[in-house]
Amino acid sequence: MAPTAGSPSAAANPPAAAKAQRRGAYKQQSRAYPRGVCLDFRKLGGLSLLSYIDHHGVPVRSDAPLHELAVAVARHFEASDVDEEECISGFLERLEKGPTAPTDYTFRTAYFDGRGPPVSVRKRRRTKWAARPGEQVAAKVTRTDENGSWILAVVQRYYADTDTYDVQDEDDTSKLIRLPWSHVMRLSTGTEGRFHRSTDCMAIFPETTSFYRAKVSKNPIWKLDKSGPVVKEIIVKFEDDEDAQGRTPHRRVPSRYVIPLPADYFYDEADDVDLVPPTAK
């Protein structure tokens, strides 16, 4: 017999609609922006939110919309104990070394579960730092690693789904060249402080648009620009550039056109080793 309204059995078994209503209210509350967080993470872009999520290992759905990502970041931030002095010093360290360079603060605060980040996380990181259309880059246009295989090019388009670029040679704009992400390097802004005396690098040889292997021969001189400290030129010695007396001249190259060796630029600690212990057979 069906329970009558007001009976004990009816109170113990509320209608399905009421259950669904309570589940919906709880679900809505769990996605509500926390009131105790003064920062509005909803104003950040998707890539910035995903960078925070990837760095701290915040659990989110793979298909979560932007608002849900902002709520997840805000809730994690609210529950975190932040050392202000450590945070500021970490920010200054990142400012000095550049946005992509690893820092001690990055390693101390990063979430790590013994595994390298999944492919989706690596793709997001590459997308975040990808060169934009119209940007000058160094592009490798040959299959070999011979000296001069990297040239100056301009990005026409970046395909995030395949991690590939369309670029044009600065000396020949009649055709597009499709390249993988590992064949494109962004140029220096002069503010990274990456190069010191005796650092191996690649640089554009004077009056060409090709990059050749070189070594920094003098410590760069920092100058104060309107945007802050900057290195405007770097003095290098190129390989195989000896004169008739066998001496290698010092050559001045704009800092923008001095780049790291590919092995240093593309190195990713996450790809170096997987620390998952082997399973016993």
C-alpha atoms as a PDB file:
ATOM      1  CA  MET A   1       0.000   0.000   0.000  1.00  0.00           C
ATOM      2  CA  ALA A   2       1.347   3.446  -0.922  1.00  0.00           C
ATOM      3  CA  PRO A   3       2.199   5.644   2.085  1.00  0.00           C
ATOM      4  CA  THR A   4      -0.239   8.378   2.858  1.00  0.00           C
ATOM      5  CA  ALA A   5       0.774  11.977   3.240  1.00  0.00           C
ATOM      6  CA  GLY A   6       2.055  12.726   6.738  1.00  0.00           C
ATOM      7  CA  SER A   7       2.722   9.070   7.584  1.00  0.00           C
ATOM      8  CA  PRO A   8       6.159   8.061   8.997  1.00  0.00           C
ATOM      9  CA  SER A   9       6.963   6.079   5.843  1.00  0.00           C
ATOM     10  CA  ALA A  10       6.224   9.127   3.663  1.00  0.00           C
ATOM     11  CA  ALA A  11       8.552  11.276   5.771  1.00  0.00           C
ATOM     12  CA  ALA A  12      11.321   8.692   5.520  1.00  0.00           C
ATOM     13  CA  ASN A  13      10.967   8.431   1.728  1.00  0.00           C
ATOM     14  CA  PRO A  14      10.650  11.961   0.308  1.00  0.00           C
ATOM     15  CA  PRO A  15       9.589  12.233  -3.317  1.00  0.00           C
ATOM     16  CA  ALA A  16      12.270  11.938  -5.993  1.00  0.00           C
ATOM     17  CA  ALA A  17      11.663  15.533  -7.036  1.00  0.00           C
ATOM     18  CA  ALA A  18      12.608  16.798  -3.571  1.00  0.00           C
ATOM     19  CA  LYS A  19      15.809  14.716  -3.611  1.00  0.00           C
ATOM     20  CA  ALA A  20      16.747  16.052  -7.010  1.00  0.00           C
ATOM     21  CA  GLN A  21      16.065  19.602  -5.813  1.00  0.00           C
ATOM     22  CA  ARG A  22      18.400  19.172  -2.837  1.00  0.00           C
ATOM     23  CA  ARG A  23      21.116  17.623  -5.023  1.00  0.00           C
ATOM     24  CA  GLY A  24      20.798  20.545  -7.419  1.00  0.00           C
ATOM     25  CA  ALA A  25      21.059  23.059  -4.583  1.00  0.00           C
ATOM     26  CA  TYR A  26      24.177  21.315  -3.208  1.00  0.00           C
ATOM     27  CA  LYS A  27      25.734  21.140  -6.664  1.00  0.00           C
ATOM     28  CA  GLN A  28      25.039  24.840  -7.220  1.00  0.00           C
ATOM     29  CA  GLN A  29      26.501  25.694  -3.815  1.00  0.00           C
ATOM     30  CA  SER A  30      29.672  23.669  -4.548  1.00  0.00           C
ATOM     31  CA  ARG A  31      30.175  25.710  -7.719  1.00  0.00           C
ATOM     32  CA  ALA A  32      29.438  29.059  -6.085  1.00  0.00           C
ATOM     33  CA  TYR A  33      32.341  31.492  -5.841  1.00  0.00           C
ATOM     34  CA  PRO A  34      33.660  31.540  -2.235  1.00  0.00           C
ATOM     35  CA  ARG A  35      32.748  34.741  -0.415  1.00  0.00           C
ATOM     36  CA  GLY A  36      35.960  34.872   1.604  1.00  0.00           C
ATOM     37  CA  VAL A  37      38.221  35.351  -1.439  1.00  0.00           C
ATOM     38  CA  CYS A  38      38.822  39.014  -2.251  1.00  0.00           C
ATOM     39  CA  LEU A  39      40.592  38.254  -5.537  1.00  0.00           C
ATOM     40  CA  ASP A  40      38.276  37.719  -8.484  1.00  0.00           C
ATOM     41  CA  PHE A  41      39.807  34.817 -10.409  1.00  0.00           C
ATOM     42  CA  ARG A  42      36.852  34.991 -12.809  1.00  0.00           C
ATOM     43  CA  LYS A  43      38.619  37.881 -14.523  1.00  0.00           C
ATOM     44  CA  LEU A  44      41.541  35.642 -15.538  1.00  0.00           C
ATOM     45  CA  GLY A  45      41.738  33.932 -18.895  1.00  0.00           C
ATOM     46  CA  GLY A  46      41.407  30.194 -19.339  1.00  0.00           C
ATOM     47  CA  LEU A  47      45.135  29.577 -19.873  1.00  0.00           C
ATOM     48  CA  SER A  48      46.033  31.473 -16.680  1.00  0.00           C
ATOM     49  CA  LEU A  49      43.524  29.440 -14.656  1.00  0.00           C
ATOM     50  CA  LEU A  50      44.788  26.192 -16.173  1.00  0.00           C
ATOM     51  CA  SER A  51      48.372  27.165 -15.354  1.00  0.00           C
ATOM     52  CA  TYR A  52      47.396  27.540 -11.692  1.00  0.00           C
ATOM     53  CA  ILE A  53      45.456  24.262 -11.794  1.00  0.00           C
ATOM     54  CA  ASP A  54      48.322  22.360 -13.424  1.00  0.00           C
ATOM     55  CA  HIS A  55      50.937  23.818 -11.079  1.00  0.00           C
ATOM     56  CA  HIS A  56      49.034  23.023  -7.872  1.00  0.00           C
ATOM     57  CA  GLY A  57      47.302  19.831  -9.017  1.00  0.00           C
ATOM     58  CA  VAL A  58      43.792  21.185  -8.440  1.00  0.00           C
ATOM     59  CA  PRO A  59      41.241  18.511  -9.416  1.00  0.00           C
ATOM     60  CA  VAL A  60      38.809  19.685 -12.118  1.00  0.00           C
ATOM     61  CA  ARG A  61      36.659  18.072 -14.761  1.00  0.00           C
ATOM     62  CA  SER A  62      38.240  17.800 -18.205  1.00  0.00           C
ATOM     63  CA  ASP A  63      35.262  19.624 -19.735  1.00  0.00           C
ATOM     64  CA  ALA A  64      34.831  22.198 -16.954  1.00  0.00           C
ATOM     65  CA  PRO A  65      33.685  25.643 -18.178  1.00  0.00           C
ATOM     66  CA  LEU A  66      35.628  28.810 -17.391  1.00  0.00           C
ATOM     67  CA  HIS A  67      33.474  29.753 -14.359  1.00  0.00           C
ATOM     68  CA  GLU A  68      34.007  26.330 -12.793  1.00  0.00           C
ATOM     69  CA  LEU A  69      37.770  26.627 -13.270  1.00  0.00           C
ATOM     70  CA  ALA A  70      37.717  30.027 -11.539  1.00  0.00           C
ATOM     71  CA  VAL A  71      35.743  28.608  -8.607  1.00  0.00           C
ATOM     72  CA  ALA A  72      38.156  25.667  -8.255  1.00  0.00           C
ATOM     73  CA  VAL A  73      41.132  28.032  -8.227  1.00  0.00           C
ATOM     74  CA  ALA A  74      39.466  30.361  -5.723  1.00  0.00           C
ATOM     75  CA  ARG A  75      38.598  27.511  -3.352  1.00  0.00           C
ATOM     76  CA  HIS A  76      42.149  26.161  -3.511  1.00  0.00           C
ATOM     77  CA  PHE A  77      43.546  29.644  -2.930  1.00  0.00           C
ATOM     78  CA  GLU A  78      41.221  30.162   0.041  1.00  0.00           C
ATOM     79  CA  ALA A  79      42.404  26.918   1.673  1.00  0.00           C
ATOM     80  CA  SER A  80      46.110  27.591   1.072  1.00  0.00           C
ATOM     81  CA  ASP A  81      48.559  28.972   3.623  1.00  0.00           C
ATOM     82  CA  VAL A  82      50.592  31.596   1.779  1.00  0.00           C
ATOM     83  CA  ASP A  83      53.952  32.819   3.072  1.00  0.00           C
ATOM     84  CA  GLU A  84      53.980  36.422   1.824  1.00  0.00           C
ATOM     85  CA  GLU A  85      57.759  36.875   1.992  1.00  0.00           C
ATOM     86  CA  GLU A  86      58.381  33.588   0.197  1.00  0.00           C
ATOM     87  CA  CYS A  87      55.770  34.474  -2.426  1.00  0.00           C
ATOM     88  CA  ILE A  88      57.308  37.893  -3.115  1.00  0.00           C
ATOM     89  CA  SER A  89      60.835  36.493  -3.335  1.00  0.00           C
ATOM     90  CA  GLY A  90      59.561  33.801  -5.703  1.00  0.00           C
ATOM     91  CA  PHE A  91      57.937  36.458  -7.866  1.00  0.00           C
ATOM     92  CA  LEU A  92      61.159  38.482  -8.017  1.00  0.00           C
ATOM     93  CA  GLU A  93      63.149  35.354  -8.857  1.00  0.00           C
ATOM     94  CA  ARG A  94      60.778  34.556 -11.719  1.00  0.00           C
ATOM     95  CA  LEU A  95      60.975  38.176 -12.893  1.00  0.00           C
ATOM     96  CA  GLU A  96      64.776  37.966 -12.984  1.00  0.00           C
ATOM     97  CA  LYS A  97      65.070  34.562 -14.684  1.00  0.00           C
ATOM     98  CA  GLY A  98      62.185  34.893 -17.112  1.00  0.00           C
ATOM     99  CA  PRO A  99      58.651  33.406 -17.217  1.00  0.00           C
ATOM    100  CA  THR A 100      59.668  29.996 -18.589  1.00  0.00           C
ATOM    101  CA  ALA A 101      62.824  29.418 -16.532  1.00  0.00           C
ATOM    102  CA  PRO A 102      62.608  26.975 -13.592  1.00  0.00           C
ATOM    103  CA  THR A 103      63.039  28.539 -10.149  1.00  0.00           C
ATOM    104  CA  ASP A 104      63.417  27.218  -6.601  1.00  0.00           C
ATOM    105  CA  TYR A 105      60.027  28.654  -5.655  1.00  0.00           C
ATOM    106  CA  THR A 106      58.405  26.879  -8.589  1.00  0.00           C
ATOM    107  CA  PHE A 107      59.812  23.533  -7.487  1.00  0.00           C
ATOM    108  CA  ARG A 108      58.854  24.066  -3.836  1.00  0.00           C
ATOM    109  CA  THR A 109      55.247  24.956  -4.571  1.00  0.00           C
ATOM    110  CA  ALA A 110      54.498  22.632  -7.497  1.00  0.00           C
ATOM    111  CA  TYR A 111      52.213  19.653  -6.984  1.00  0.00           C
ATOM    112  CA  PHE A 112      54.018  16.347  -7.637  1.00  0.00           C
ATOM    113  CA  ASP A 113      52.593  12.839  -7.380  1.00  0.00           C
ATOM    114  CA  GLY A 114      55.611  10.898  -8.682  1.00  0.00           C
ATOM    115  CA  ARG A 115      54.492  11.034 -12.302  1.00  0.00           C
ATOM    116  CA  GLY A 116      55.237  13.360 -15.183  1.00  0.00           C
ATOM    117  CA  PRO A 117      52.341  15.625 -16.248  1.00  0.00           C
ATOM    118  CA  PRO A 118      49.918  14.101 -18.756  1.00  0.00           C
ATOM    119  CA  VAL A 119      50.022  14.961 -22.439  1.00  0.00           C
ATOM    120  CA  SER A 120      47.088  17.362 -22.080  1.00  0.00           C
ATOM    121  CA  VAL A 121      48.978  19.438 -19.497  1.00  0.00           C
ATOM    122  CA  ARG A 122      52.097  19.587 -21.654  1.00  0.00           C
ATOM    123  CA  LYS A 123      50.054  20.693 -24.646  1.00  0.00           C
ATOM    124  CA  ARG A 124      48.449  23.467 -22.579  1.00  0.00           C
ATOM    125  CA  ARG A 125      51.865  24.695 -21.478  1.00  0.00           C
ATOM    126  CA  ARG A 126      53.097  24.784 -25.054  1.00  0.00           C
ATOM    127  CA  THR A 127      49.957  26.619 -26.139  1.00  0.00           C
ATOM    128  CA  LYS A 128      50.399  29.202 -23.388  1.00  0.00           C
ATOM    129  CA  TRP A 129      53.937  30.053 -24.479  1.00  0.00           C
ATOM    130  CA  ALA A 130      53.383  29.623 -28.217  1.00  0.00           C
ATOM    131  CA  ALA A 131      54.514  32.425 -30.534  1.00  0.00           C
ATOM    132  CA  ARG A 132      51.688  34.599 -31.857  1.00  0.00           C
ATOM    133  CA  PRO A 133      50.903  35.475 -35.496  1.00  0.00           C
ATOM    134  CA  GLY A 134      53.209  38.204 -36.786  1.00  0.00           C
ATOM    135  CA  GLU A 135      55.915  37.408 -34.230  1.00  0.00           C
ATOM    136  CA  GLN A 136      59.519  36.952 -35.360  1.00  0.00           C
ATOM    137  CA  VAL A 137      60.979  33.592 -34.330  1.00  0.00           C
ATOM    138  CA  ALA A 138      63.916  31.303 -34.966  1.00  0.00           C
ATOM    139  CA  ALA A 139      62.776  28.383 -37.121  1.00  0.00           C
ATOM    140  CA  LYS A 140      64.564  25.188 -38.048  1.00  0.00           C
ATOM    141  CA  VAL A 141      63.802  24.516 -41.717  1.00  0.00           C
ATOM    142  CA  THR A 142      66.116  21.551 -42.405  1.00  0.00           C
ATOM    143  CA  ARG A 143      66.093  17.960 -41.178  1.00  0.00           C
ATOM    144  CA  THR A 144      69.746  18.109 -40.150  1.00  0.00           C
ATOM    145  CA  ASP A 145      71.443  19.883 -37.258  1.00  0.00           C
ATOM    146  CA  GLU A 146      74.046  21.554 -39.428  1.00  0.00           C
ATOM    147  CA  ASN A 147      75.254  25.022 -38.518  1.00  0.00           C
ATOM    148  CA  GLY A 148      72.874  27.620 -39.967  1.00  0.00           C
ATOM    149  CA  SER A 149      69.832  25.326 -40.109  1.00  0.00           C
ATOM    150  CA  TRP A 150      67.887  27.802 -37.928  1.00  0.00           C
ATOM    151  CA  ILE A 151      66.677  30.934 -39.722  1.00  0.00           C
ATOM    152  CA  LEU A 152      64.738  34.091 -38.932  1.00  0.00           C
ATOM    153  CA  ALA A 153      61.043  33.651 -39.737  1.00  0.00           C
ATOM    154  CA  VAL A 154      57.624  35.152 -39.004  1.00  0.00           C
ATOM    155  CA  VAL A 155      54.746  33.150 -37.511  1.00  0.00           C
ATOM    156  CA  GLN A 156      51.571  33.131 -39.567  1.00  0.00           C
ATOM    157  CA  ARG A 157      49.542  30.703 -37.463  1.00  0.00           C
ATOM    158  CA  TYR A 158      49.818  28.268 -34.553  1.00  0.00           C
ATOM    159  CA  TYR A 159      47.682  25.109 -34.464  1.00  0.00           C
ATOM    160  CA  ALA A 160      47.095  24.149 -30.832  1.00  0.00           C
ATOM    161  CA  ASP A 161      45.510  20.799 -31.695  1.00  0.00           C
ATOM    162  CA  THR A 162      48.612  19.542 -33.536  1.00  0.00           C
ATOM    163  CA  ASP A 163      51.325  21.721 -31.926  1.00  0.00           C
ATOM    164  CA  THR A 164      52.457  22.983 -35.315  1.00  0.00           C
ATOM    165  CA  TYR A 165      53.252  26.379 -36.844  1.00  0.00           C
ATOM    166  CA  ASP A 166      52.926  27.991 -40.239  1.00  0.00           C
ATOM    167  CA  VAL A 167      55.904  30.344 -40.715  1.00  0.00           C
ATOM    168  CA  GLN A 168      57.417  32.408 -43.494  1.00  0.00           C
ATOM    169  CA  ASP A 169      61.122  32.854 -44.150  1.00  0.00           C
ATOM    170  CA  GLU A 170      62.129  36.505 -43.695  1.00  0.00           C
ATOM    171  CA  ASP A 171      63.994  36.291 -47.021  1.00  0.00           C
ATOM    172  CA  ASP A 172      61.264  34.451 -48.929  1.00  0.00           C
ATOM    173  CA  THR A 173      57.638  35.308 -48.148  1.00  0.00           C
ATOM    174  CA  SER A 174      56.265  33.480 -51.196  1.00  0.00           C
ATOM    175  CA  LYS A 175      55.475  30.238 -49.344  1.00  0.00           C
ATOM    176  CA  LEU A 176      54.388  28.907 -45.968  1.00  0.00           C
ATOM    177  CA  ILE A 177      56.459  26.360 -44.070  1.00  0.00           C
ATOM    178  CA  ARG A 178      54.668  23.932 -41.712  1.00  0.00           C
ATOM    179  CA  LEU A 179      56.852  23.107 -38.689  1.00  0.00           C
ATOM    180  CA  PRO A 180      56.408  21.168 -35.422  1.00  0.00           C
ATOM    181  CA  TRP A 181      56.565  23.124 -32.152  1.00  0.00           C
ATOM    182  CA  SER A 182      60.072  21.764 -31.479  1.00  0.00           C
ATOM    183  CA  HIS A 183      61.382  23.565 -34.586  1.00  0.00           C
ATOM    184  CA  VAL A 184      60.355  27.048 -33.447  1.00  0.00           C
ATOM    185  CA  MET A 185      61.988  29.193 -30.748  1.00  0.00           C
ATOM    186  CA  ARG A 186      60.770  32.565 -29.535  1.00  0.00           C
ATOM    187  CA  LEU A 187      63.311  35.381 -29.558  1.00  0.00           C
ATOM    188  CA  SER A 188      64.754  37.170 -26.556  1.00  0.00           C
ATOM    189  CA  THR A 189      63.298  40.347 -25.076  1.00  0.00           C
ATOM    190  CA  GLY A 190      66.644  41.321 -23.546  1.00  0.00           C
ATOM    191  CA  THR A 191      65.275  41.085 -19.999  1.00  0.00           C
ATOM    192  CA  GLU A 192      65.808  37.390 -19.222  1.00  0.00           C
ATOM    193  CA  GLY A 193      69.442  37.527 -18.074  1.00  0.00           C
ATOM    194  CA  ARG A 194      69.977  34.118 -19.628  1.00  0.00           C
ATOM    195  CA  PHE A 195      73.434  34.645 -21.128  1.00  0.00           C
ATOM    196  CA  HIS A 196      76.757  35.072 -19.359  1.00  0.00           C
ATOM    197  CA  ARG A 197      80.338  34.871 -20.482  1.00  0.00           C
ATOM    198  CA  SER A 198      81.262  31.439 -21.970  1.00  0.00           C
ATOM    199  CA  THR A 199      77.602  30.459 -22.482  1.00  0.00           C
ATOM    200  CA  ASP A 200      77.051  28.405 -25.633  1.00  0.00           C
ATOM    201  CA  CYS A 201      74.333  29.896 -27.827  1.00  0.00           C
ATOM    202  CA  MET A 202      73.192  30.552 -31.380  1.00  0.00           C
ATOM    203  CA  ALA A 203      73.181  34.011 -32.925  1.00  0.00           C
ATOM    204  CA  ILE A 204      72.420  35.648 -36.246  1.00  0.00           C
ATOM    205  CA  PHE A 205      75.638  36.205 -38.142  1.00  0.00           C
ATOM    206  CA  PRO A 206      75.981  39.854 -39.262  1.00  0.00           C
ATOM    207  CA  GLU A 207      74.268  40.698 -42.565  1.00  0.00           C
ATOM    208  CA  THR A 208      72.439  37.337 -42.685  1.00  0.00           C
ATOM    209  CA  THR A 209      69.147  35.936 -41.370  1.00  0.00           C
ATOM    210  CA  SER A 210      70.597  32.597 -40.222  1.00  0.00           C
ATOM    211  CA  PHE A 211      71.554  31.521 -36.707  1.00  0.00           C
ATOM    212  CA  TYR A 212      75.003  30.015 -36.172  1.00  0.00           C
ATOM    213  CA  ARG A 213      76.592  28.416 -33.129  1.00  0.00           C
ATOM    214  CA  ALA A 214      78.580  30.822 -30.992  1.00  0.00           C
ATOM    215  CA  LYS A 215      79.879  31.466 -27.473  1.00  0.00           C
ATOM    216  CA  VAL A 216      79.272  34.578 -25.396  1.00  0.00           C
ATOM    217  CA  SER A 217      82.727  36.190 -25.123  1.00  0.00           C
ATOM    218  CA  LYS A 218      81.958  39.011 -22.663  1.00  0.00           C
ATOM    219  CA  ASN A 219      79.444  39.468 -19.865  1.00  0.00           C
ATOM    220  CA  PRO A 220      76.471  41.467 -21.180  1.00  0.00           C
ATOM    221  CA  ILE A 221      76.028  45.056 -20.017  1.00  0.00           C
ATOM    222  CA  TRP A 222      72.634  45.921 -18.541  1.00  0.00           C
ATOM    223  CA  LYS A 223      71.137  49.290 -19.365  1.00  0.00           C
ATOM    224  CA  LEU A 224      68.120  51.026 -17.866  1.00  0.00           C
ATOM    225  CA  ASP A 225      65.294  51.309 -20.378  1.00  0.00           C
ATOM    226  CA  LYS A 226      61.853  52.854 -19.885  1.00  0.00           C
ATOM    227  CA  SER A 227      60.513  49.347 -19.208  1.00  0.00           C
ATOM    228  CA  GLY A 228      63.339  48.428 -16.806  1.00  0.00           C
ATOM    229  CA  PRO A 229      66.806  46.816 -16.971  1.00  0.00           C
ATOM    230  CA  VAL A 230      67.569  45.345 -20.382  1.00  0.00           C
ATOM    231  CA  VAL A 231      70.490  43.921 -22.373  1.00  0.00           C
ATOM    232  CA  LYS A 232      70.494  45.473 -25.848  1.00  0.00           C
ATOM    233  CA  GLU A 233      73.427  43.617 -27.392  1.00  0.00           C
ATOM    234  CA  ILE A 234      75.593  40.588 -26.683  1.00  0.00           C
ATOM    235  CA  ILE A 235      79.195  40.103 -27.753  1.00  0.00           C
ATOM    236  CA  VAL A 236      79.909  36.631 -29.116  1.00  0.00           C
ATOM    237  CA  LYS A 237      82.500  34.623 -30.995  1.00  0.00           C
ATOM    238  CA  PHE A 238      81.120  32.441 -33.773  1.00  0.00           C
ATOM    239  CA  GLU A 239      82.366  28.957 -34.560  1.00  0.00           C
ATOM    240  CA  ASP A 240      84.562  28.672 -37.677  1.00  0.00           C
ATOM    241  CA  ASP A 241      84.949  32.457 -37.892  1.00  0.00           C
ATOM    242  CA  GLU A 242      88.743  32.701 -37.705  1.00  0.00           C
ATOM    243  CA  ASP A 243      90.523  35.367 -39.721  1.00  0.00           C
ATOM    244  CA  ALA A 244      93.705  34.870 -41.760  1.00  0.00           C
ATOM    245  CA  GLN A 245      95.788  34.906 -38.565  1.00  0.00           C
ATOM    246  CA  GLY A 246      93.609  32.252 -36.939  1.00  0.00           C
ATOM    247  CA  ARG A 247      91.990  34.675 -34.503  1.00  0.00           C
ATOM    248  CA  THR A 248      88.238  34.695 -33.853  1.00  0.00           C
ATOM    249  CA  PRO A 249      86.845  38.253 -33.695  1.00  0.00           C
ATOM    250  CA  HIS A 250      84.339  39.519 -31.160  1.00  0.00           C
ATOM    251  CA  ARG A 251      81.057  40.389 -32.860  1.00  0.00           C
ATOM    252  CA  ARG A 252      78.196  42.471 -31.496  1.00  0.00           C
ATOM    253  CA  VAL A 253      74.737  40.991 -32.003  1.00  0.00           C
ATOM    254  CA  PRO A 254      71.412  42.520 -30.850  1.00  0.00           C
ATOM    255  CA  SER A 255      70.275  40.522 -27.820  1.00  0.00           C
ATOM    256  CA  ARG A 256      67.007  39.761 -29.604  1.00  0.00           C
ATOM    257  CA  TYR A 257      68.902  37.618 -32.089  1.00  0.00           C
ATOM    258  CA  VAL A 258      70.859  35.540 -29.562  1.00  0.00           C
ATOM    259  CA  ILE A 259      69.064  32.346 -28.547  1.00  0.00           C
ATOM    260  CA  PRO A 260      69.872  29.246 -26.446  1.00  0.00           C
ATOM    261  CA  LEU A 261      70.927  25.964 -27.974  1.00  0.00           C
ATOM    262  CA  PRO A 262      67.838  23.874 -28.811  1.00  0.00           C
ATOM    263  CA  ALA A 263      68.677  21.280 -26.141  1.00  0.00           C
ATOM    264  CA  ASP A 264      68.582  24.015 -23.473  1.00  0.00           C
ATOM    265  CA  TYR A 265      65.484  25.745 -24.823  1.00  0.00           C
ATOM    266  CA  PHE A 266      63.263  22.669 -25.183  1.00  0.00           C
ATOM    267  CA  TYR A 267      64.439  20.741 -22.135  1.00  0.00           C
ATOM    268  CA  ASP A 268      61.572  19.783 -19.860  1.00  0.00           C
ATOM    269  CA  GLU A 269      62.224  18.171 -16.487  1.00  0.00           C
ATOM    270  CA  ALA A 270      58.856  16.446 -16.752  1.00  0.00           C
ATOM    271  CA  ASP A 271      60.069  14.491 -19.775  1.00  0.00           C
ATOM    272  CA  ASP A 272      63.341  13.489 -18.152  1.00  0.00           C
ATOM    273  CA  VAL A 273      62.260  10.629 -15.939  1.00  0.00           C
ATOM    274  CA  ASP A 274      59.093   8.940 -14.724  1.00  0.00           C
ATOM    275  CA  LEU A 275      59.396   8.257 -11.012  1.00  0.00           C
ATOM    276  CA  VAL A 276      56.607   5.670 -10.818  1.00  0.00           C
ATOM    277  CA  PRO A 277      58.080   2.636  -8.999  1.00  0.00           C
ATOM    278  CA  PRO A 278      58.135  -0.541 -11.097  1.00  0.00           C
ATOM    279  CA  THR A 279      55.420  -3.075 -10.349  1.00  0.00           C
ATOM    280  CA  ALA A 280      56.532  -6.369  -8.902  1.00  0.00           C
ATOM    281  CA  LYS A 281      56.129  -9.282 -11.283  1.00  0.00           C
END
